[in-house]
Amino acid sequence: MKPVNNHGIKRVIRATGFSIQGLTSAWKNEAAFRQELIIAVVLLPIAIFANVSFVESILMVMTLFIVLITELLNSAIEAVVDRISDEIHPLSGQAKDVASAAVFLSLALCATTWGAILLKAYVL
């Protein structure tokens, strides 16, 4: 059996396919990811067309992506922990809790960034 060629453009194409599979799986299996993605799609035009500077707009968009990225990593950690064992273990709970805390912090960062930028643009 000939080994798979994982060099150059073939590697990029294969990696892109795996990424699309991961996004599809997250959409199908993770309610939190679906909710956050829908919110991001709604907020994206606001970030682009708000009366803010280009840099502020980019910061707003970046925080939306940070939330989605963190949620994907949280989902991956939960899947690995669940795959390892069904038994309740303190380290499994700790891994899931820490990943959940990362999502919480990304949401706090997003809300703080959006709030500060929009407050400056429209209130102050």
C-alpha atoms as a PDB file:
ATOM      1  CA  MET A   1       0.000   0.000   0.000  1.00  0.00           C
ATOM      2  CA  LYS A   2       1.361   3.367  -1.057  1.00  0.00           C
ATOM      3  CA  PRO A   3       1.545   6.050   1.677  1.00  0.00           C
ATOM      4  CA  VAL A   4      -0.639   9.131   1.321  1.00  0.00           C
ATOM      5  CA  ASN A   5       1.215  12.118  -0.128  1.00  0.00           C
ATOM      6  CA  ASN A   6       0.910  14.826   2.514  1.00  0.00           C
ATOM      7  CA  HIS A   7       3.059  17.480   0.895  1.00  0.00           C
ATOM      8  CA  GLY A   8       2.330  20.754  -0.804  1.00  0.00           C
ATOM      9  CA  ILE A   9      -1.102  21.553  -2.145  1.00  0.00           C
ATOM     10  CA  LYS A  10      -2.429  18.025  -1.505  1.00  0.00           C
ATOM     11  CA  ARG A  11      -1.782  18.480   2.210  1.00  0.00           C
ATOM     12  CA  VAL A  12      -3.564  21.841   2.184  1.00  0.00           C
ATOM     13  CA  ILE A  13      -6.563  20.351   0.358  1.00  0.00           C
ATOM     14  CA  ARG A  14      -6.783  17.405   2.770  1.00  0.00           C
ATOM     15  CA  ALA A  15      -6.443  19.693   5.807  1.00  0.00           C
ATOM     16  CA  THR A  16      -9.182  21.953   4.433  1.00  0.00           C
ATOM     17  CA  GLY A  17     -11.446  18.930   4.037  1.00  0.00           C
ATOM     18  CA  PHE A  18     -10.830  17.896   7.649  1.00  0.00           C
ATOM     19  CA  SER A  19     -11.573  21.449   8.799  1.00  0.00           C
ATOM     20  CA  ILE A  20     -14.855  21.482   6.898  1.00  0.00           C
ATOM     21  CA  GLN A  21     -15.743  18.126   8.482  1.00  0.00           C
ATOM     22  CA  GLY A  22     -15.010  19.619  11.911  1.00  0.00           C
ATOM     23  CA  LEU A  23     -17.179  22.679  11.284  1.00  0.00           C
ATOM     24  CA  THR A  24     -19.991  20.485   9.954  1.00  0.00           C
ATOM     25  CA  SER A  25     -19.761  18.211  12.994  1.00  0.00           C
ATOM     26  CA  ALA A  26     -19.810  21.180  15.373  1.00  0.00           C
ATOM     27  CA  TRP A  27     -22.867  22.618  13.604  1.00  0.00           C
ATOM     28  CA  LYS A  28     -24.718  19.286  13.772  1.00  0.00           C
ATOM     29  CA  ASN A  29     -23.751  18.259  17.293  1.00  0.00           C
ATOM     30  CA  GLU A  30     -23.054  21.384  19.343  1.00  0.00           C
ATOM     31  CA  ALA A  31     -25.980  23.667  20.184  1.00  0.00           C
ATOM     32  CA  ALA A  32     -23.714  26.292  21.754  1.00  0.00           C
ATOM     33  CA  PHE A  33     -21.647  26.521  18.556  1.00  0.00           C
ATOM     34  CA  ARG A  34     -24.804  26.920  16.459  1.00  0.00           C
ATOM     35  CA  GLN A  35     -26.079  29.676  18.735  1.00  0.00           C
ATOM     36  CA  GLU A  36     -22.770  31.526  18.775  1.00  0.00           C
ATOM     37  CA  LEU A  37     -22.359  31.204  15.009  1.00  0.00           C
ATOM     38  CA  ILE A  38     -25.849  32.598  14.393  1.00  0.00           C
ATOM     39  CA  ILE A  39     -25.117  35.505  16.743  1.00  0.00           C
ATOM     40  CA  ALA A  40     -21.797  36.110  14.972  1.00  0.00           C
ATOM     41  CA  VAL A  41     -23.517  36.164  11.566  1.00  0.00           C
ATOM     42  CA  VAL A  42     -26.032  38.711  12.890  1.00  0.00           C
ATOM     43  CA  LEU A  43     -23.341  40.880  14.514  1.00  0.00           C
ATOM     44  CA  LEU A  44     -20.840  40.739  11.639  1.00  0.00           C
ATOM     45  CA  PRO A  45     -22.625  43.343   9.477  1.00  0.00           C
ATOM     46  CA  ILE A  46     -22.929  45.616  12.511  1.00  0.00           C
ATOM     47  CA  ALA A  47     -19.163  45.395  13.045  1.00  0.00           C
ATOM     48  CA  ILE A  48     -18.530  46.148   9.380  1.00  0.00           C
ATOM     49  CA  PHE A  49     -20.988  49.020   8.943  1.00  0.00           C
ATOM     50  CA  ALA A  50     -20.891  50.647  12.385  1.00  0.00           C
ATOM     51  CA  ASN A  51     -19.584  54.191  12.555  1.00  0.00           C
ATOM     52  CA  VAL A  52     -16.254  53.092  14.029  1.00  0.00           C
ATOM     53  CA  SER A  53     -12.658  53.106  12.815  1.00  0.00           C
ATOM     54  CA  PHE A  54     -11.270  50.333  10.659  1.00  0.00           C
ATOM     55  CA  VAL A  55      -9.189  49.018  13.558  1.00  0.00           C
ATOM     56  CA  GLU A  56     -12.201  49.021  15.888  1.00  0.00           C
ATOM     57  CA  SER A  57     -14.228  47.156  13.279  1.00  0.00           C
ATOM     58  CA  ILE A  58     -11.476  44.551  12.941  1.00  0.00           C
ATOM     59  CA  LEU A  59     -11.339  44.161  16.743  1.00  0.00           C
ATOM     60  CA  MET A  60     -15.089  43.575  16.834  1.00  0.00           C
ATOM     61  CA  VAL A  61     -14.861  40.930  14.100  1.00  0.00           C
ATOM     62  CA  MET A  62     -11.838  39.288  15.735  1.00  0.00           C
ATOM     63  CA  THR A  63     -13.629  38.855  19.055  1.00  0.00           C
ATOM     64  CA  LEU A  64     -16.493  37.087  17.258  1.00  0.00           C
ATOM     65  CA  PHE A  65     -13.996  34.651  15.763  1.00  0.00           C
ATOM     66  CA  ILE A  66     -12.289  34.177  19.149  1.00  0.00           C
ATOM     67  CA  VAL A  67     -15.630  33.073  20.638  1.00  0.00           C
ATOM     68  CA  LEU A  68     -16.186  30.558  17.815  1.00  0.00           C
ATOM     69  CA  ILE A  69     -12.625  29.235  17.991  1.00  0.00           C
ATOM     70  CA  THR A  70     -12.824  28.812  21.757  1.00  0.00           C
ATOM     71  CA  GLU A  71     -16.164  27.020  21.474  1.00  0.00           C
ATOM     72  CA  LEU A  72     -14.679  24.610  18.925  1.00  0.00           C
ATOM     73  CA  LEU A  73     -11.759  23.864  21.247  1.00  0.00           C
ATOM     74  CA  ASN A  74     -14.173  23.391  24.168  1.00  0.00           C
ATOM     75  CA  SER A  75     -16.205  20.931  22.105  1.00  0.00           C
ATOM     76  CA  ALA A  76     -13.061  19.039  21.121  1.00  0.00           C
ATOM     77  CA  ILE A  77     -11.950  18.736  24.748  1.00  0.00           C
ATOM     78  CA  GLU A  78     -15.393  17.528  25.806  1.00  0.00           C
ATOM     79  CA  ALA A  79     -15.404  14.919  23.009  1.00  0.00           C
ATOM     80  CA  VAL A  80     -11.976  13.600  23.983  1.00  0.00           C
ATOM     81  CA  VAL A  81     -12.884  13.416  27.673  1.00  0.00           C
ATOM     82  CA  ASP A  82     -16.143  11.632  26.879  1.00  0.00           C
ATOM     83  CA  ARG A  83     -14.323   9.246  24.517  1.00  0.00           C
ATOM     84  CA  ILE A  84     -11.796   8.254  27.155  1.00  0.00           C
ATOM     85  CA  SER A  85     -14.324   7.139  29.751  1.00  0.00           C
ATOM     86  CA  ASP A  86     -17.946   7.385  30.839  1.00  0.00           C
ATOM     87  CA  GLU A  87     -16.989   7.275  34.497  1.00  0.00           C
ATOM     88  CA  ILE A  88     -17.041  10.458  36.539  1.00  0.00           C
ATOM     89  CA  HIS A  89     -13.511  11.539  37.405  1.00  0.00           C
ATOM     90  CA  PRO A  90     -12.297  14.783  38.999  1.00  0.00           C
ATOM     91  CA  LEU A  91      -9.736  15.391  36.229  1.00  0.00           C
ATOM     92  CA  SER A  92     -12.396  14.900  33.543  1.00  0.00           C
ATOM     93  CA  GLY A  93     -14.596  17.429  35.276  1.00  0.00           C
ATOM     94  CA  GLN A  94     -11.667  19.805  35.674  1.00  0.00           C
ATOM     95  CA  ALA A  95     -10.807  19.585  31.959  1.00  0.00           C
ATOM     96  CA  LYS A  96     -14.401  20.309  30.962  1.00  0.00           C
ATOM     97  CA  ASP A  97     -14.745  23.131  33.498  1.00  0.00           C
ATOM     98  CA  VAL A  98     -11.515  24.825  32.400  1.00  0.00           C
ATOM     99  CA  ALA A  99     -12.543  24.604  28.740  1.00  0.00           C
ATOM    100  CA  SER A 100     -15.932  26.055  29.629  1.00  0.00           C
ATOM    101  CA  ALA A 101     -14.208  28.872  31.519  1.00  0.00           C
ATOM    102  CA  ALA A 102     -12.206  29.655  28.371  1.00  0.00           C
ATOM    103  CA  VAL A 103     -15.464  30.046  26.438  1.00  0.00           C
ATOM    104  CA  PHE A 104     -16.829  32.278  29.197  1.00  0.00           C
ATOM    105  CA  LEU A 105     -13.729  34.492  29.064  1.00  0.00           C
ATOM    106  CA  SER A 106     -13.933  34.747  25.271  1.00  0.00           C
ATOM    107  CA  LEU A 107     -17.571  35.824  25.562  1.00  0.00           C
ATOM    108  CA  ALA A 108     -16.616  38.388  28.230  1.00  0.00           C
ATOM    109  CA  LEU A 109     -13.831  39.707  25.989  1.00  0.00           C
ATOM    110  CA  CYS A 110     -16.259  39.977  23.075  1.00  0.00           C
ATOM    111  CA  ALA A 111     -18.924  41.763  25.107  1.00  0.00           C
ATOM    112  CA  THR A 112     -16.403  44.136  26.696  1.00  0.00           C
ATOM    113  CA  THR A 113     -14.781  44.984  23.357  1.00  0.00           C
ATOM    114  CA  TRP A 114     -18.111  45.557  21.617  1.00  0.00           C
ATOM    115  CA  GLY A 115     -19.469  47.535  24.555  1.00  0.00           C
ATOM    116  CA  ALA A 116     -16.426  49.809  24.809  1.00  0.00           C
ATOM    117  CA  ILE A 117     -16.256  50.477  21.071  1.00  0.00           C
ATOM    118  CA  LEU A 118     -19.987  51.089  20.612  1.00  0.00           C
ATOM    119  CA  LEU A 119     -20.191  53.195  23.773  1.00  0.00           C
ATOM    120  CA  LYS A 120     -17.367  55.409  22.513  1.00  0.00           C
ATOM    121  CA  ALA A 121     -18.886  55.645  19.029  1.00  0.00           C
ATOM    122  CA  TYR A 122     -22.509  56.314  19.919  1.00  0.00           C
ATOM    123  CA  VAL A 123     -22.742  57.584  23.495  1.00  0.00           C
ATOM    124  CA  LEU A 124     -19.580  59.448  24.444  1.00  0.00           C
END
